[in-house]
Amino acid sequence: MTQAADPQIIASVLLRKGCEGKQTKLFENHTSDAKNAVLSKAALGTDEEPVIACFLGASNWFLVTTERLVWTNSGGLQTLCILRLDYADDNFEAAYRRWLAADDRESRNPKMEIDELELVAVDGSRRAITLEPGYPFFGLSNALMWLSRWARSQRKKAGKS
């Protein structure tokens, strides 16, 4: 059986460090159509619970469950076991470059435009994902950072056993 993260803690990090948005929500708060589109592809395990989803479209979504990260994008369906997550890294430099090139940069905050996150696995592989920018991004990226720390502690425990 796979070790599962606490869904209440994952959800609370999203809500404390950011907020739900138009596309990023606690899974239960998404529309039935969005939930069905995600669940039809995600193939959840018996005890696996969906917690947070960023639904940008039928072929572009990101799901955090109690056991995995699952998403679709131009690369098709991808998955990463939470226990294999080393860390999540925002791509602030790219957002800052876009902000510098903008004519209206005085009225914009570059941090609010970050929408790319890189998931780094323990084997060093990197996977880029696109999320809803702004406060929903901050909440979801913080939830992923919390999950990476939780996974690290679980790997340490398993190594001592």
Foldseek 3Di string as FASTA:
>chain_A
DAQFADLVVLQVLLPVQFHADPFKDFLVPDDPVQNCLCCVPVVDDPPKAWTMKRDPDSQFIWTDIRFWIWTGDPVGIDIDGLLFWQAKAWPLVVLVVVLVPDPPNVPDDSQQVTFWMWTATNVGDIDIGGGHGHRSVRSNRSSSRVSNVVSVVVVVVVVVD
